[in-house]
C-alpha atoms as a PDB file:
ATOM      1  CA  MET A   1     -41.063 202.136   2.149  1.00  0.00           C
ATOM      2  CA  ALA A   2     -37.847 201.002   3.834  1.00  0.00           C
ATOM      3  CA  ARG A   3     -34.716 202.856   2.844  1.00  0.00           C
ATOM      4  CA  LEU A   4     -31.041 203.082   3.699  1.00  0.00           C
ATOM      5  CA  LEU A   5     -29.615 205.656   6.066  1.00  0.00           C
ATOM      6  CA  ARG A   6     -26.330 206.704   4.483  1.00  0.00           C
ATOM      7  CA  MET A   7     -23.279 208.389   5.968  1.00  0.00           C
ATOM      8  CA  PRO A   8     -23.746 212.125   5.433  1.00  0.00           C
ATOM      9  CA  GLU A   9     -21.023 214.500   4.343  1.00  0.00           C
ATOM     10  CA  VAL A  10     -20.252 215.862   7.796  1.00  0.00           C
ATOM     11  CA  ALA A  11     -17.907 218.616   6.605  1.00  0.00           C
ATOM     12  CA  ALA A  12     -16.944 219.998   3.211  1.00  0.00           C
ATOM     13  CA  ASN A  13     -14.620 217.700   1.279  1.00  0.00           C
ATOM     14  CA  THR A  14     -14.891 214.943   3.897  1.00  0.00           C
ATOM     15  CA  LEU A  15     -14.699 211.495   2.320  1.00  0.00           C
ATOM     16  CA  GLU A  16     -15.414 209.445   5.451  1.00  0.00           C
ATOM     17  CA  ALA A  17     -16.372 209.667   9.091  1.00  0.00           C
ATOM     18  CA  THR A  18     -16.355 207.330  12.075  1.00  0.00           C
ATOM     19  CA  LEU A  19     -19.596 206.184  13.648  1.00  0.00           C
ATOM     20  CA  SER A  20     -19.214 207.068  17.325  1.00  0.00           C
ATOM     21  CA  GLU A  21     -22.481 205.659  18.602  1.00  0.00           C
ATOM     22  CA  TRP A  22     -26.050 204.808  17.752  1.00  0.00           C
ATOM     23  CA  LEU A  23     -28.371 207.008  19.799  1.00  0.00           C
ATOM     24  CA  LEU A  24     -31.298 204.642  19.202  1.00  0.00           C
ATOM     25  CA  ALA A  25     -31.687 200.893  19.596  1.00  0.00           C
ATOM     26  CA  GLU A  26     -32.867 198.711  16.733  1.00  0.00           C
ATOM     27  CA  ASP A  27     -36.689 198.766  16.445  1.00  0.00           C
ATOM     28  CA  ALA A  28     -36.810 202.210  18.096  1.00  0.00           C
ATOM     29  CA  GLU A  29     -39.135 204.802  16.601  1.00  0.00           C
ATOM     30  CA  PHE A  30     -37.954 208.334  15.915  1.00  0.00           C
ATOM     31  CA  ALA A  31     -39.469 211.645  14.845  1.00  0.00           C
ATOM     32  CA  ASP A  32     -38.362 214.020  12.109  1.00  0.00           C
ATOM     33  CA  GLY A  33     -35.192 215.758  13.259  1.00  0.00           C
ATOM     34  CA  ASP A  34     -34.384 213.332  16.099  1.00  0.00           C
ATOM     35  CA  ALA A  35     -30.719 212.424  16.380  1.00  0.00           C
ATOM     36  CA  ILE A  36     -30.122 208.855  15.201  1.00  0.00           C
ATOM     37  CA  ALA A  37     -26.350 208.538  15.527  1.00  0.00           C
ATOM     38  CA  THR A  38     -23.204 210.483  16.318  1.00  0.00           C
ATOM     39  CA  VAL A  39     -20.366 210.532  13.787  1.00  0.00           C
ATOM     40  CA  GLU A  40     -16.890 212.036  14.034  1.00  0.00           C
ATOM     41  CA  THR A  41     -14.252 213.417  11.733  1.00  0.00           C
ATOM     42  CA  ASP A  42     -10.790 214.639  12.712  1.00  0.00           C
ATOM     43  CA  LYS A  43     -12.301 218.031  13.436  1.00  0.00           C
ATOM     44  CA  ALA A  44     -15.847 217.540  14.747  1.00  0.00           C
ATOM     45  CA  ALA A  45     -18.457 215.258  16.277  1.00  0.00           C
ATOM     46  CA  VAL A  46     -21.897 215.652  14.711  1.00  0.00           C
ATOM     47  CA  GLU A  47     -25.314 214.138  15.360  1.00  0.00           C
ATOM     48  CA  VAL A  48     -27.055 212.632  12.329  1.00  0.00           C
ATOM     49  CA  PRO A  49     -30.677 213.847  12.293  1.00  0.00           C
ATOM     50  CA  ALA A  50     -33.610 211.877  10.946  1.00  0.00           C
ATOM     51  CA  GLU A  51     -35.050 213.134   7.667  1.00  0.00           C
ATOM     52  CA  GLY A  52     -38.598 212.226   8.633  1.00  0.00           C
ATOM     53  CA  ALA A  53     -40.238 209.959  11.180  1.00  0.00           C
ATOM     54  CA  GLY A  54     -39.523 206.247  11.134  1.00  0.00           C
ATOM     55  CA  VAL A  55     -38.126 203.153  12.784  1.00  0.00           C
ATOM     56  CA  LEU A  56     -34.502 202.025  12.988  1.00  0.00           C
ATOM     57  CA  VAL A  57     -34.850 198.495  11.603  1.00  0.00           C
ATOM     58  CA  ARG A  58     -31.213 197.361  11.561  1.00  0.00           C
ATOM     59  CA  THR A  59     -27.811 198.955  12.040  1.00  0.00           C
ATOM     60  CA  LEU A  60     -25.239 197.923   9.443  1.00  0.00           C
ATOM     61  CA  VAL A  61     -22.073 199.265  11.080  1.00  0.00           C
ATOM     62  CA  GLY A  62     -20.928 199.265  14.664  1.00  0.00           C
ATOM     63  CA  PRO A  63     -19.473 202.052  16.783  1.00  0.00           C
ATOM     64  CA  GLY A  64     -15.853 202.792  15.936  1.00  0.00           C
ATOM     65  CA  THR A  65     -16.310 201.897  12.261  1.00  0.00           C
ATOM     66  CA  THR A  66     -15.037 204.326   9.637  1.00  0.00           C
ATOM     67  CA  VAL A  67     -17.641 204.717   6.900  1.00  0.00           C
ATOM     68  CA  ALA A  68     -17.320 206.374   3.482  1.00  0.00           C
ATOM     69  CA  VAL A  69     -19.653 209.273   2.773  1.00  0.00           C
ATOM     70  CA  GLY A  70     -22.741 207.869   1.060  1.00  0.00           C
ATOM     71  CA  ALA A  71     -22.225 204.310   2.304  1.00  0.00           C
ATOM     72  CA  PRO A  72     -25.162 202.581   4.051  1.00  0.00           C
ATOM     73  CA  MET A  73     -25.182 202.734   7.846  1.00  0.00           C
ATOM     74  CA  ALA A  74     -28.659 201.402   8.684  1.00  0.00           C
ATOM     75  CA  LEU A  75     -32.004 200.299   7.344  1.00  0.00           C
ATOM     76  CA  ILE A  76     -34.921 202.495   8.350  1.00  0.00           C
ATOM     77  CA  ALA A  77     -38.631 202.100   7.713  1.00  0.00           C
ATOM     78  CA  ALA A  78     -41.653 204.379   7.738  1.00  0.00           C
ATOM     79  CA  PRO A  79     -43.693 204.603  10.945  1.00  0.00           C
ATOM     80  CA  GLY A  80     -45.860 201.502  11.265  1.00  0.00           C
ATOM     81  CA  GLU A  81     -44.154 199.750   8.351  1.00  0.00           C
ATOM     82  CA  THR A  82     -43.230 196.102   8.847  1.00  0.00           C
ATOM     83  CA  VAL A  83     -40.182 194.753   7.044  1.00  0.00           C
ATOM     84  CA  ALA A  84     -40.913 191.020   6.838  1.00  0.00           C
ATOM     85  CA  ASP A  85     -37.536 189.959   5.403  1.00  0.00           C
ATOM     86  CA  VAL A  86     -34.826 192.419   6.412  1.00  0.00           C
ATOM     87  CA  ASP A  87     -32.049 190.567   4.576  1.00  0.00           C
ATOM     88  CA  ALA A  88     -34.028 190.487   1.315  1.00  0.00           C
ATOM     89  CA  THR A  89     -34.866 194.179   1.670  1.00  0.00           C
ATOM     90  CA  LEU A  90     -31.206 195.024   2.237  1.00  0.00           C
ATOM     91  CA  ALA A  91     -30.196 193.000  -0.816  1.00  0.00           C
ATOM     92  CA  GLU A  92     -32.839 194.763  -2.906  1.00  0.00           C
ATOM     93  CA  LEU A  93     -31.635 198.193  -1.737  1.00  0.00           C
ATOM     94  CA  GLY A  94     -27.961 197.332  -2.092  1.00  0.00           C
ATOM     95  CA  GLY A  95     -27.332 197.737   1.629  1.00  0.00           C
ATOM     96  CA  THR A  96     -24.271 196.033   2.966  1.00  0.00           C
ATOM     97  CA  ALA A  97     -22.039 196.663   5.940  1.00  0.00           C
ATOM     98  CA  ALA A  98     -19.517 199.360   5.147  1.00  0.00           C
END
């Protein structure tokens, strides 16, 4: 089932981080633990690892965007899953650009 990739809490008490870059293109497959994106705070740059295998269906924020912890950054799907209507799926999941 498709789900949202949300901005992780990169460091204790961090309320937001900046998306530095997407390490994968849309429609790219990834394995559990693969780095999906790089995010930065004032103190560190951190890779965001995948929590399971999947496909990066759509990015919701671009590089250089500051994103609140917990806010949606991308839509990801299970390996082999087809998301017929990405916009409808995002609306259903509450995914909007941060």
